[in-house]
Amino acid sequence: RAALSVGAATADIVAVEARKAAQNAGPSPTIT
């Protein structure tokens, strides 16, 4: 969706933005 929002239909942009989305989500909470 991020790539299509700026009209860039390439796999490299999708990969970069998908990894950024994964980093923003953060790691899974640990059990304490």
Full PDB file with SEQRES, HELIX, SHEET, SSBOND, CRYST1, ORIGX, SCALE, CONECT and MASTER records, all heavy atoms in Angstrom:
SEQRES   1 A   32  ARG ALA ALA LEU SER VAL GLY ALA ALA THR ALA ASP ILE          
SEQRES   2 A   32  VAL ALA VAL GLU ALA ARG LYS ALA ALA GLN ASN ALA GLY          
SEQRES   3 A   32  PRO SER PRO THR ILE THR                                      
HELIX    1 AA1 ALA A    2  SER A    5  1                                   4    
HELIX    2 AA2 ALA A   11  ALA A   25  1                                  15    
CRYST1    1.000    1.000    1.000  90.00  90.00  90.00 P 1           1          
ORIGX1      1.000000  0.000000  0.000000        0.00000                         
ORIGX2      0.000000  1.000000  0.000000        0.00000                         
ORIGX3      0.000000  0.000000  1.000000        0.00000                         
SCALE1      1.000000  0.000000  0.000000        0.00000                         
SCALE2      0.000000  1.000000  0.000000        0.00000                         
SCALE3      0.000000  0.000000  1.000000        0.00000                         
ATOM      1  N   ARG A   1       0.822  -1.210   0.000  1.00  0.00           N  
ATOM      2  CA  ARG A   1       0.000   0.000   0.000  1.00  0.00           C  
ATOM      3  C   ARG A   1       0.858   1.262   0.000  1.00  0.00           C  
ATOM      4  O   ARG A   1       0.517   2.255  -0.661  1.00  0.00           O  
ATOM      5  CB  ARG A   1      -0.912  -0.017   1.223  1.00  0.00           C  
ATOM      6  CG  ARG A   1      -1.968  -1.119   1.172  1.00  0.00           C  
ATOM      7  CD  ARG A   1      -2.746  -1.179   2.462  1.00  0.00           C  
ATOM      8  NE  ARG A   1      -3.755  -2.243   2.411  1.00  0.00           N  
ATOM      9  CZ  ARG A   1      -4.506  -2.602   3.448  1.00  0.00           C  
ATOM     10  NH1 ARG A   1      -4.364  -1.999   4.623  1.00  0.00           N  
ATOM     11  NH2 ARG A   1      -5.400  -3.574   3.312  1.00  0.00           N  
ATOM     12  N   ALA A   2       1.969   1.230   0.750  1.00  0.00           N  
ATOM     13  CA  ALA A   2       2.848   2.397   0.774  1.00  0.00           C  
ATOM     14  C   ALA A   2       3.467   2.643  -0.593  1.00  0.00           C  
ATOM     15  O   ALA A   2       3.579   3.791  -1.048  1.00  0.00           O  
ATOM     16  CB  ALA A   2       3.930   2.207   1.834  1.00  0.00           C  
ATOM     17  N   ALA A   3       3.878   1.573  -1.269  1.00  0.00           N  
ATOM     18  CA  ALA A   3       4.483   1.739  -2.592  1.00  0.00           C  
ATOM     19  C   ALA A   3       3.463   2.242  -3.604  1.00  0.00           C  
ATOM     20  O   ALA A   3       3.747   3.129  -4.415  1.00  0.00           O  
ATOM     21  CB  ALA A   3       5.083   0.409  -3.051  1.00  0.00           C  
ATOM     22  N   LEU A   4       2.256   1.699  -3.545  1.00  0.00           N  
ATOM     23  CA  LEU A   4       1.232   2.129  -4.502  1.00  0.00           C  
ATOM     24  C   LEU A   4       0.774   3.556  -4.231  1.00  0.00           C  
ATOM     25  O   LEU A   4       0.300   4.240  -5.155  1.00  0.00           O  
ATOM     26  CB  LEU A   4       0.037   1.170  -4.443  1.00  0.00           C  
ATOM     27  CG  LEU A   4       0.284  -0.250  -4.943  1.00  0.00           C  
ATOM     28  CD1 LEU A   4      -0.978  -1.092  -4.799  1.00  0.00           C  
ATOM     29  CD2 LEU A   4       0.745  -0.247  -6.399  1.00  0.00           C  
ATOM     30  N   SER A   5       0.904   4.032  -2.992  1.00  0.00           N  
ATOM     31  CA  SER A   5       0.447   5.385  -2.675  1.00  0.00           C  
ATOM     32  C   SER A   5       1.263   6.452  -3.371  1.00  0.00           C  
ATOM     33  O   SER A   5       0.791   7.570  -3.569  1.00  0.00           O  
ATOM     34  CB  SER A   5       0.494   5.600  -1.163  1.00  0.00           C  
ATOM     35  OG  SER A   5       1.839   5.563  -0.689  1.00  0.00           O  
ATOM     36  N   VAL A   6       2.507   6.129  -3.757  1.00  0.00           N  
ATOM     37  CA  VAL A   6       3.358   7.092  -4.466  1.00  0.00           C  
ATOM     38  C   VAL A   6       3.596   6.674  -5.912  1.00  0.00           C  
ATOM     39  O   VAL A   6       4.460   7.224  -6.586  1.00  0.00           O  
ATOM     40  CB  VAL A   6       4.709   7.252  -3.740  1.00  0.00           C  
ATOM     41  CG1 VAL A   6       4.505   7.867  -2.363  1.00  0.00           C  
ATOM     42  CG2 VAL A   6       5.428   5.921  -3.628  1.00  0.00           C  
ATOM     43  N   GLY A   7       2.851   5.642  -6.353  1.00  0.00           N  
ATOM     44  CA  GLY A   7       2.962   5.215  -7.745  1.00  0.00           C  
ATOM     45  C   GLY A   7       4.213   4.432  -8.056  1.00  0.00           C  
ATOM     46  O   GLY A   7       4.646   4.389  -9.216  1.00  0.00           O  
ATOM     47  N   ALA A   8       4.820   3.780  -7.066  1.00  0.00           N  
ATOM     48  CA  ALA A   8       6.047   3.002  -7.270  1.00  0.00           C  
ATOM     49  C   ALA A   8       5.702   1.525  -7.142  1.00  0.00           C  
ATOM     50  O   ALA A   8       5.536   1.016  -6.043  1.00  0.00           O  
ATOM     51  CB  ALA A   8       7.111   3.388  -6.255  1.00  0.00           C  
ATOM     52  N   ALA A   9       5.574   0.823  -8.266  1.00  0.00           N  
ATOM     53  CA  ALA A   9       5.207  -0.595  -8.269  1.00  0.00           C  
ATOM     54  C   ALA A   9       6.445  -1.450  -8.484  1.00  0.00           C  
ATOM     55  O   ALA A   9       6.599  -2.115  -9.513  1.00  0.00           O  
ATOM     56  CB  ALA A   9       4.165  -0.874  -9.339  1.00  0.00           C  
ATOM     57  N   THR A  10       7.370  -1.423  -7.532  1.00  0.00           N  
ATOM     58  CA  THR A  10       8.569  -2.241  -7.601  1.00  0.00           C  
ATOM     59  C   THR A  10       8.720  -3.028  -6.305  1.00  0.00           C  
ATOM     60  O   THR A  10       8.327  -2.568  -5.222  1.00  0.00           O  
ATOM     61  CB  THR A  10       9.831  -1.383  -7.822  1.00  0.00           C  
ATOM     62  OG1 THR A  10       9.940  -0.465  -6.736  1.00  0.00           O  
ATOM     63  CG2 THR A  10       9.744  -0.625  -9.137  1.00  0.00           C  
ATOM     64  N   ALA A  11       9.308  -4.207  -6.430  1.00  0.00           N  
ATOM     65  CA  ALA A  11       9.446  -5.080  -5.272  1.00  0.00           C  
ATOM     66  C   ALA A  11      10.427  -4.528  -4.250  1.00  0.00           C  
ATOM     67  O   ALA A  11      10.288  -4.780  -3.047  1.00  0.00           O  
ATOM     68  CB  ALA A  11       9.883  -6.474  -5.726  1.00  0.00           C  
ATOM     69  N   ASP A  12      11.424  -3.766  -4.697  1.00  0.00           N  
ATOM     70  CA  ASP A  12      12.414  -3.242  -3.746  1.00  0.00           C  
ATOM     71  C   ASP A  12      11.775  -2.265  -2.763  1.00  0.00           C  
ATOM     72  O   ASP A  12      12.053  -2.288  -1.564  1.00  0.00           O  
ATOM     73  CB  ASP A  12      13.545  -2.557  -4.512  1.00  0.00           C  
ATOM     74  CG  ASP A  12      14.379  -3.555  -5.303  1.00  0.00           C  
ATOM     75  OD1 ASP A  12      14.379  -4.729  -4.900  1.00  0.00           O  
ATOM     76  OD2 ASP A  12      14.978  -3.166  -6.308  1.00  0.00           O  
ATOM     77  N   ILE A  13      10.904  -1.397  -3.263  1.00  0.00           N  
ATOM     78  CA  ILE A  13      10.255  -0.447  -2.363  1.00  0.00           C  
ATOM     79  C   ILE A  13       9.326  -1.184  -1.406  1.00  0.00           C  
ATOM     80  O   ILE A  13       9.262  -0.882  -0.205  1.00  0.00           O  
ATOM     81  CB  ILE A  13       9.480   0.609  -3.170  1.00  0.00           C  
ATOM     82  CG1 ILE A  13      10.468   1.527  -3.869  1.00  0.00           C  
ATOM     83  CG2 ILE A  13       8.536   1.392  -2.292  1.00  0.00           C  
ATOM     84  CD1 ILE A  13       9.825   2.645  -4.629  1.00  0.00           C  
ATOM     85  N   VAL A  14       8.619  -2.164  -1.914  1.00  0.00           N  
ATOM     86  CA  VAL A  14       7.747  -2.949  -1.040  1.00  0.00           C  
ATOM     87  C   VAL A  14       8.558  -3.614   0.060  1.00  0.00           C  
ATOM     88  O   VAL A  14       8.149  -3.638   1.226  1.00  0.00           O  
ATOM     89  CB  VAL A  14       6.967  -3.990  -1.859  1.00  0.00           C  
ATOM     90  CG1 VAL A  14       6.171  -4.911  -0.943  1.00  0.00           C  
ATOM     91  CG2 VAL A  14       6.034  -3.319  -2.847  1.00  0.00           C  
ATOM     92  N   ALA A  15       9.735  -4.141  -0.293  1.00  0.00           N  
ATOM     93  CA  ALA A  15      10.570  -4.806   0.708  1.00  0.00           C  
ATOM     94  C   ALA A  15      11.033  -3.834   1.779  1.00  0.00           C  
ATOM     95  O   ALA A  15      10.987  -4.131   2.987  1.00  0.00           O  
ATOM     96  CB  ALA A  15      11.761  -5.475   0.025  1.00  0.00           C  
ATOM     97  N   VAL A  16      11.495  -2.642   1.362  1.00  0.00           N  
ATOM     98  CA  VAL A  16      11.974  -1.659   2.331  1.00  0.00           C  
ATOM     99  C   VAL A  16      10.849  -1.222   3.263  1.00  0.00           C  
ATOM    100  O   VAL A  16      10.996  -1.172   4.495  1.00  0.00           O  
ATOM    101  CB  VAL A  16      12.585  -0.459   1.586  1.00  0.00           C  
ATOM    102  CG1 VAL A  16      12.898   0.680   2.562  1.00  0.00           C  
ATOM    103  CG2 VAL A  16      13.859  -0.875   0.864  1.00  0.00           C  
ATOM    104  N   GLU A  17       9.688  -0.913   2.674  1.00  0.00           N  
ATOM    105  CA  GLU A  17       8.586  -0.433   3.497  1.00  0.00           C  
ATOM    106  C   GLU A  17       7.992  -1.539   4.364  1.00  0.00           C  
ATOM    107  O   GLU A  17       7.497  -1.268   5.465  1.00  0.00           O  
ATOM    108  CB  GLU A  17       7.509   0.185   2.597  1.00  0.00           C  
ATOM    109  CG  GLU A  17       7.985   1.402   1.831  1.00  0.00           C  
ATOM    110  CD  GLU A  17       8.555   2.466   2.760  1.00  0.00           C  
ATOM    111  OE1 GLU A  17       7.965   2.673   3.850  1.00  0.00           O  
ATOM    112  OE2 GLU A  17       9.582   3.074   2.420  1.00  0.00           O  
ATOM    113  N   ALA A  18       8.030  -2.771   3.890  1.00  0.00           N  
ATOM    114  CA  ALA A  18       7.539  -3.877   4.709  1.00  0.00           C  
ATOM    115  C   ALA A  18       8.434  -4.086   5.917  1.00  0.00           C  
ATOM    116  O   ALA A  18       7.944  -4.333   7.038  1.00  0.00           O  
ATOM    117  CB  ALA A  18       7.461  -5.142   3.875  1.00  0.00           C  
ATOM    118  N   ARG A  19       9.740  -3.956   5.736  1.00  0.00           N  
ATOM    119  CA  ARG A  19      10.655  -4.090   6.879  1.00  0.00           C  
ATOM    120  C   ARG A  19      10.489  -2.929   7.853  1.00  0.00           C  
ATOM    121  O   ARG A  19      10.595  -3.116   9.068  1.00  0.00           O  
ATOM    122  CB  ARG A  19      12.089  -4.194   6.393  1.00  0.00           C  
ATOM    123  CG  ARG A  19      12.383  -5.483   5.626  1.00  0.00           C  
ATOM    124  CD  ARG A  19      13.866  -5.654   5.328  1.00  0.00           C  
ATOM    125  NE  ARG A  19      14.110  -6.901   4.625  1.00  0.00           N  
ATOM    126  CZ  ARG A  19      14.200  -7.019   3.306  1.00  0.00           C  
ATOM    127  NH1 ARG A  19      14.073  -5.927   2.550  1.00  0.00           N  
ATOM    128  NH2 ARG A  19      14.419  -8.180   2.730  1.00  0.00           N  
ATOM    129  N   LYS A  20      10.219  -1.741   7.332  1.00  0.00           N  
ATOM    130  CA  LYS A  20       9.969  -0.596   8.227  1.00  0.00           C  
ATOM    131  C   LYS A  20       8.688  -0.820   9.039  1.00  0.00           C  
ATOM    132  O   LYS A  20       8.642  -0.519  10.233  1.00  0.00           O  
ATOM    133  CB  LYS A  20       9.853   0.684   7.404  1.00  0.00           C  
ATOM    134  CG  LYS A  20      11.182   1.166   6.843  1.00  0.00           C  
ATOM    135  CD  LYS A  20      10.980   2.333   5.916  1.00  0.00           C  
ATOM    136  CE  LYS A  20      10.253   3.468   6.608  1.00  0.00           C  
ATOM    137  NZ  LYS A  20      10.052   4.626   5.701  1.00  0.00           N  
ATOM    138  N   ALA A  21       7.676  -1.378   8.398  1.00  0.00           N  
ATOM    139  CA  ALA A  21       6.437  -1.674   9.119  1.00  0.00           C  
ATOM    140  C   ALA A  21       6.674  -2.720  10.196  1.00  0.00           C  
ATOM    141  O   ALA A  21       6.113  -2.643  11.294  1.00  0.00           O  
ATOM    142  CB  ALA A  21       5.363  -2.135   8.140  1.00  0.00           C  
ATOM    143  N   ALA A  22       7.526  -3.718   9.898  1.00  0.00           N  
ATOM    144  CA  ALA A  22       7.826  -4.742  10.892  1.00  0.00           C  
ATOM    145  C   ALA A  22       8.604  -4.150  12.064  1.00  0.00           C  
ATOM    146  O   ALA A  22       8.383  -4.514  13.223  1.00  0.00           O  
ATOM    147  CB  ALA A  22       8.610  -5.882  10.244  1.00  0.00           C  
ATOM    148  N   GLN A  23       9.525  -3.198  11.786  1.00  0.00           N  
ATOM    149  CA  GLN A  23      10.282  -2.567  12.874  1.00  0.00           C  
ATOM    150  C   GLN A  23       9.388  -1.684  13.735  1.00  0.00           C  
ATOM    151  O   GLN A  23       9.522  -1.642  14.955  1.00  0.00           O  
ATOM    152  CB  GLN A  23      11.429  -1.753  12.286  1.00  0.00           C  
ATOM    153  CG  GLN A  23      12.510  -2.598  11.642  1.00  0.00           C  
ATOM    154  CD  GLN A  23      13.558  -1.746  10.936  1.00  0.00           C  
ATOM    155  OE1 GLN A  23      13.459  -0.522  10.916  1.00  0.00           O  
ATOM    156  NE2 GLN A  23      14.545  -2.406  10.351  1.00  0.00           N  
ATOM    157  N   ASN A  24       8.438  -0.995  13.118  1.00  0.00           N  
ATOM    158  CA  ASN A  24       7.533  -0.131  13.881  1.00  0.00           C  
ATOM    159  C   ASN A  24       6.634  -0.937  14.802  1.00  0.00           C  
ATOM    160  O   ASN A  24       6.236  -0.474  15.870  1.00  0.00           O  
ATOM    161  CB  ASN A  24       6.676   0.709  12.937  1.00  0.00           C  
ATOM    162  CG  ASN A  24       7.506   1.744  12.195  1.00  0.00           C  
ATOM    163  OD1 ASN A  24       8.555   2.175  12.671  1.00  0.00           O  
ATOM    164  ND2 ASN A  24       7.039   2.142  11.016  1.00  0.00           N  
ATOM    165  N   ALA A  25       6.309  -2.168  14.374  1.00  0.00           N  
ATOM    166  CA  ALA A  25       5.465  -3.021  15.215  1.00  0.00           C  
ATOM    167  C   ALA A  25       6.193  -3.454  16.472  1.00  0.00           C  
ATOM    168  O   ALA A  25       5.569  -3.720  17.503  1.00  0.00           O  
ATOM    169  CB  ALA A  25       4.989  -4.241  14.428  1.00  0.00           C  
ATOM    170  N   GLY A  26       7.532  -3.514  16.425  1.00  0.00           N  
ATOM    171  CA  GLY A  26       8.312  -3.865  17.599  1.00  0.00           C  
ATOM    172  C   GLY A  26       8.350  -5.355  17.843  1.00  0.00           C  
ATOM    173  O   GLY A  26       7.589  -6.128  17.248  1.00  0.00           O  
ATOM    174  N   PRO A  27       9.244  -5.797  18.738  1.00  0.00           N  
ATOM    175  CA  PRO A  27       9.331  -7.239  19.041  1.00  0.00           C  
ATOM    176  C   PRO A  27       8.123  -7.704  19.834  1.00  0.00           C  
ATOM    177  O   PRO A  27       7.418  -6.921  20.461  1.00  0.00           O  
ATOM    178  CB  PRO A  27      10.624  -7.347  19.862  1.00  0.00           C  
ATOM    179  CG  PRO A  27      10.746  -6.004  20.513  1.00  0.00           C  
ATOM    180  CD  PRO A  27      10.208  -5.004  19.513  1.00  0.00           C  
ATOM    181  N   SER A  28       7.900  -8.997  19.816  1.00  0.00           N  
ATOM    182  CA  SER A  28       6.798  -9.581  20.582  1.00  0.00           C  
ATOM    183  C   SER A  28       7.090  -9.450  22.064  1.00  0.00           C  
ATOM    184  O   SER A  28       8.229  -9.626  22.509  1.00  0.00           O  
ATOM    185  CB  SER A  28       6.613 -11.050  20.205  1.00  0.00           C  
ATOM    186  OG  SER A  28       6.326 -11.149  18.826  1.00  0.00           O  
ATOM    187  N   PRO A  29       6.081  -9.108  22.902  1.00  0.00           N  
ATOM    188  CA  PRO A  29       6.324  -8.978  24.352  1.00  0.00           C  
ATOM    189  C   PRO A  29       6.716 -10.307  24.951  1.00  0.00           C  
ATOM    190  O   PRO A  29       6.187 -11.346  24.599  1.00  0.00           O  
ATOM    191  CB  PRO A  29       4.968  -8.495  24.887  1.00  0.00           C  
ATOM    192  CG  PRO A  29       3.966  -8.931  23.859  1.00  0.00           C  
ATOM    193  CD  PRO A  29       4.688  -8.881  22.540  1.00  0.00           C  
ATOM    194  N   THR A  30       7.677 -10.257  25.874  1.00  0.00           N  
ATOM    195  CA  THR A  30       8.141 -11.478  26.535  1.00  0.00           C  
ATOM    196  C   THR A  30       7.288 -11.745  27.762  1.00  0.00           C  
ATOM    197  O   THR A  30       6.641 -10.856  28.312  1.00  0.00           O  
ATOM    198  CB  THR A  30       9.613 -11.330  26.944  1.00  0.00           C  
ATOM    199  OG1 THR A  30       9.715 -10.188  27.796  1.00  0.00           O  
ATOM    200  CG2 THR A  30      10.492 -11.150  25.738  1.00  0.00           C  
ATOM    201  N   ILE A  31       7.315 -12.984  28.221  1.00  0.00           N  
ATOM    202  CA  ILE A  31       6.548 -13.391  29.404  1.00  0.00           C  
ATOM    203  C   ILE A  31       7.366 -13.081  30.646  1.00  0.00           C  
ATOM    204  O   ILE A  31       8.513 -13.512  30.773  1.00  0.00           O  
ATOM    205  CB  ILE A  31       6.205 -14.884  29.333  1.00  0.00           C  
ATOM    206  CG1 ILE A  31       5.372 -15.150  28.083  1.00  0.00           C  
ATOM    207  CG2 ILE A  31       5.487 -15.342  30.573  1.00  0.00           C  
ATOM    208  CD1 ILE A  31       5.060 -16.611  27.870  1.00  0.00           C  
ATOM    209  N   THR A  32       6.829 -12.322  31.552  1.00  0.00           N  
ATOM    210  CA  THR A  32       7.527 -11.955  32.789  1.00  0.00           C  
ATOM    211  C   THR A  32       6.706 -12.397  33.980  1.00  0.00           C  
ATOM    212  O   THR A  32       5.535 -12.739  33.869  1.00  0.00           O  
ATOM    213  CB  THR A  32       7.754 -10.433  32.851  1.00  0.00           C  
ATOM    214  OG1 THR A  32       6.475  -9.789  32.808  1.00  0.00           O  
ATOM    215  CG2 THR A  32       8.583  -9.957  31.671  1.00  0.00           C  
TER     216      THR A  32                                                      
MASTER        0    0    0    2    0    0    0    6  215    1    0    3          
END                                                                             
